Amino acid sequence: MNSTDKSVGRMDAALRRRFDFIHVEPNYEVLEKYYENKELLVPNLIEGLEILNELLEKIWESIALLDIHFL
């Protein structure tokens, strides 16, 4: 581990001691309402985010299962 990684690790630990972390699910309806009044239109933005989040969730579940497997 290099010196930069070590300093980030200490900062991360300090933040975790001082603050609570809460899980917040994405709210796609808010994004839809936000972008419906904008000139900048990103085709399939919401659908793409939903797909990406589903894939990341599956990856995270498999990582969590590996962690349990190796305990």
N, C-alpha and C. Protein backbone atom coordinates (compact mmCIF):
# COMPACT_ATOMS: atom_id res chain seq x y z
N MET A 1 0.86 -1.18 0.00
CA MET A 1 0.00 0.00 0.00
C MET A 1 0.90 1.23 0.00
N ASN A 2 0.64 2.15 -0.91
CA ASN A 2 1.46 3.36 -0.96
C ASN A 2 0.98 4.39 0.06
N SER A 3 1.75 5.47 0.21
CA SER A 3 1.44 6.47 1.24
C SER A 3 0.10 7.17 0.99
N THR A 4 -0.28 7.34 -0.26
CA THR A 4 -1.57 7.97 -0.56
C THR A 4 -2.72 7.10 -0.09
N ASP A 5 -2.63 5.80 -0.37
CA ASP A 5 -3.68 4.87 0.08
C ASP A 5 -3.80 4.88 1.60
N LYS A 6 -2.68 4.93 2.28
CA LYS A 6 -2.71 4.92 3.75
C LYS A 6 -3.41 6.17 4.29
N SER A 7 -3.12 7.32 3.70
CA SER A 7 -3.73 8.55 4.21
C SER A 7 -5.24 8.56 3.93
N VAL A 8 -5.65 8.03 2.80
CA VAL A 8 -7.08 7.96 2.48
C VAL A 8 -7.76 6.99 3.44
N GLY A 9 -7.11 5.91 3.77
CA GLY A 9 -7.66 4.94 4.71
C GLY A 9 -7.92 5.55 6.07
N ARG A 10 -7.00 6.37 6.55
CA ARG A 10 -7.19 7.02 7.85
C ARG A 10 -8.35 8.00 7.79
N MET A 11 -8.44 8.74 6.69
CA MET A 11 -9.54 9.69 6.54
C MET A 11 -10.88 8.96 6.49
N ASP A 12 -10.92 7.86 5.75
CA ASP A 12 -12.15 7.07 5.66
C ASP A 12 -12.57 6.56 7.03
N ALA A 13 -11.63 6.05 7.79
CA ALA A 13 -11.94 5.55 9.13
C ALA A 13 -12.44 6.68 10.03
N ALA A 14 -11.84 7.85 9.92
CA ALA A 14 -12.27 8.99 10.73
C ALA A 14 -13.70 9.41 10.38
N LEU A 15 -14.02 9.44 9.09
CA LEU A 15 -15.38 9.80 8.67
C LEU A 15 -16.39 8.78 9.17
N ARG A 16 -16.03 7.50 9.09
CA ARG A 16 -16.95 6.45 9.53
C ARG A 16 -17.19 6.49 11.04
N ARG A 17 -16.21 6.94 11.79
CA ARG A 17 -16.41 7.08 13.24
C ARG A 17 -17.33 8.24 13.57
N ARG A 18 -17.29 9.29 12.76
CA ARG A 18 -18.01 10.52 13.09
C ARG A 18 -19.41 10.63 12.49
N PHE A 19 -19.67 9.90 11.42
CA PHE A 19 -20.94 10.06 10.72
C PHE A 19 -21.63 8.72 10.52
N ASP A 20 -22.95 8.76 10.48
CA ASP A 20 -23.74 7.59 10.12
C ASP A 20 -23.85 7.52 8.61
N PHE A 21 -23.84 6.34 8.07
CA PHE A 21 -24.01 6.15 6.64
C PHE A 21 -25.36 5.49 6.42
N ILE A 22 -26.15 6.05 5.52
CA ILE A 22 -27.45 5.48 5.23
C ILE A 22 -27.51 5.12 3.74
N HIS A 23 -28.26 4.08 3.46
CA HIS A 23 -28.42 3.64 2.07
C HIS A 23 -29.64 4.35 1.47
N VAL A 24 -29.45 4.95 0.33
CA VAL A 24 -30.54 5.66 -0.34
C VAL A 24 -30.69 5.07 -1.74
N GLU A 25 -31.87 4.55 -2.01
CA GLU A 25 -32.16 3.99 -3.33
C GLU A 25 -32.36 5.12 -4.34
N PRO A 26 -32.00 4.90 -5.60
CA PRO A 26 -32.24 5.93 -6.61
C PRO A 26 -33.73 6.12 -6.86
N ASN A 27 -34.14 7.35 -7.09
CA ASN A 27 -35.54 7.66 -7.39
C ASN A 27 -35.60 8.15 -8.84
N TYR A 28 -35.96 7.25 -9.73
CA TYR A 28 -35.95 7.56 -11.16
C TYR A 28 -37.05 8.54 -11.54
N GLU A 29 -38.13 8.59 -10.78
CA GLU A 29 -39.21 9.55 -11.06
C GLU A 29 -38.71 10.98 -10.91
N VAL A 30 -37.86 11.22 -9.93
CA VAL A 30 -37.29 12.56 -9.74
C VAL A 30 -36.45 12.94 -10.95
N LEU A 31 -35.65 12.01 -11.44
CA LEU A 31 -34.83 12.29 -12.63
C LEU A 31 -35.71 12.56 -13.85
N GLU A 32 -36.76 11.77 -14.01
CA GLU A 32 -37.66 11.99 -15.14
C GLU A 32 -38.27 13.38 -15.09
N LYS A 33 -38.74 13.79 -13.92
CA LYS A 33 -39.33 15.12 -13.79
C LYS A 33 -38.29 16.22 -14.02
N TYR A 34 -37.08 16.00 -13.56
CA TYR A 34 -36.02 16.99 -13.74
C TYR A 34 -35.70 17.18 -15.22
N TYR A 35 -35.57 16.08 -15.95
CA TYR A 35 -35.17 16.17 -17.35
C TYR A 35 -36.31 16.49 -18.30
N GLU A 36 -37.56 16.39 -17.87
CA GLU A 36 -38.66 16.67 -18.79
C GLU A 36 -38.72 18.16 -19.14
N ASN A 37 -38.19 19.03 -18.31
CA ASN A 37 -38.21 20.47 -18.57
C ASN A 37 -36.87 21.01 -19.06
N LYS A 38 -35.94 20.15 -19.37
CA LYS A 38 -34.62 20.58 -19.82
C LYS A 38 -34.51 20.45 -21.33
N GLU A 39 -33.71 21.34 -21.90
CA GLU A 39 -33.47 21.25 -23.35
C GLU A 39 -32.53 20.10 -23.67
N LEU A 40 -31.65 19.79 -22.74
CA LEU A 40 -30.71 18.70 -22.95
C LEU A 40 -31.43 17.37 -22.72
N LEU A 41 -31.60 16.63 -23.76
CA LEU A 41 -32.27 15.34 -23.64
C LEU A 41 -31.24 14.23 -23.84
N VAL A 42 -31.21 13.33 -22.92
CA VAL A 42 -30.32 12.18 -23.03
C VAL A 42 -31.21 10.96 -23.25
N PRO A 43 -31.18 10.43 -24.48
CA PRO A 43 -32.07 9.30 -24.77
C PRO A 43 -31.75 8.10 -23.88
N ASN A 44 -32.81 7.52 -23.35
CA ASN A 44 -32.70 6.30 -22.55
C ASN A 44 -31.85 6.46 -21.29
N LEU A 45 -31.73 7.67 -20.78
CA LEU A 45 -30.92 7.91 -19.58
C LEU A 45 -31.44 7.11 -18.40
N ILE A 46 -32.72 7.23 -18.12
CA ILE A 46 -33.30 6.57 -16.96
C ILE A 46 -33.21 5.05 -17.11
N GLU A 47 -33.55 4.56 -18.28
CA GLU A 47 -33.49 3.11 -18.52
C GLU A 47 -32.05 2.61 -18.37
N GLY A 48 -31.10 3.36 -18.89
CA GLY A 48 -29.69 2.97 -18.76
C GLY A 48 -29.23 2.94 -17.31
N LEU A 49 -29.66 3.92 -16.53
CA LEU A 49 -29.29 3.94 -15.11
C LEU A 49 -29.91 2.76 -14.37
N GLU A 50 -31.15 2.43 -14.70
CA GLU A 50 -31.81 1.29 -14.06
C GLU A 50 -31.06 -0.01 -14.37
N ILE A 51 -30.68 -0.18 -15.63
CA ILE A 51 -29.96 -1.39 -16.03
C ILE A 51 -28.60 -1.45 -15.35
N LEU A 52 -27.89 -0.33 -15.34
CA LEU A 52 -26.58 -0.28 -14.69
C LEU A 52 -26.69 -0.62 -13.20
N ASN A 53 -27.67 -0.04 -12.52
CA ASN A 53 -27.83 -0.32 -11.10
C ASN A 53 -28.21 -1.77 -10.84
N GLU A 54 -29.01 -2.37 -11.71
CA GLU A 54 -29.34 -3.79 -11.56
C GLU A 54 -28.09 -4.65 -11.72
N LEU A 55 -27.26 -4.33 -12.71
CA LEU A 55 -26.01 -5.08 -12.91
C LEU A 55 -25.08 -4.93 -11.71
N LEU A 56 -24.93 -3.71 -11.21
CA LEU A 56 -24.07 -3.48 -10.06
C LEU A 56 -24.58 -4.22 -8.83
N GLU A 57 -25.90 -4.27 -8.68
CA GLU A 57 -26.49 -5.00 -7.55
C GLU A 57 -26.17 -6.49 -7.64
N LYS A 58 -26.26 -7.05 -8.85
CA LYS A 58 -25.94 -8.47 -9.04
C LYS A 58 -24.46 -8.73 -8.75
N ILE A 59 -23.60 -7.83 -9.21
CA ILE A 59 -22.16 -7.98 -8.95
C ILE A 59 -21.90 -7.91 -7.45
N TRP A 60 -22.52 -6.95 -6.78
CA TRP A 60 -22.31 -6.80 -5.34
C TRP A 60 -22.79 -8.05 -4.59
N GLU A 61 -23.93 -8.61 -5.01
CA GLU A 61 -24.43 -9.83 -4.37
C GLU A 61 -23.44 -10.97 -4.54
N SER A 62 -22.84 -11.10 -5.72
CA SER A 62 -21.89 -12.18 -5.94
C SER A 62 -20.62 -11.95 -5.12
N ILE A 63 -20.20 -10.71 -4.96
CA ILE A 63 -19.04 -10.42 -4.13
C ILE A 63 -19.35 -10.75 -2.67
N ALA A 64 -20.54 -10.36 -2.22
CA ALA A 64 -20.94 -10.65 -0.84
C ALA A 64 -20.99 -12.16 -0.61
N LEU A 65 -21.48 -12.91 -1.60
CA LEU A 65 -21.52 -14.36 -1.46
C LEU A 65 -20.11 -14.93 -1.39
N LEU A 66 -19.19 -14.39 -2.17
CA LEU A 66 -17.81 -14.85 -2.10
C LEU A 66 -17.22 -14.56 -0.73
N ASP A 67 -17.51 -13.39 -0.19
CA ASP A 67 -16.99 -13.06 1.13
C ASP A 67 -17.49 -14.06 2.17
N ILE A 68 -18.76 -14.40 2.11
CA ILE A 68 -19.32 -15.36 3.06
C ILE A 68 -18.69 -16.73 2.83
N HIS A 69 -18.50 -17.08 1.58
CA HIS A 69 -17.94 -18.39 1.24
C HIS A 69 -16.55 -18.56 1.84
N PHE A 70 -15.74 -17.52 1.84
CA PHE A 70 -14.37 -17.64 2.29
C PHE A 70 -14.19 -17.41 3.79
N LEU A 71 -15.28 -17.13 4.51
CA LEU A 71 -15.15 -16.93 5.97
C LEU A 71 -14.89 -18.22 6.68
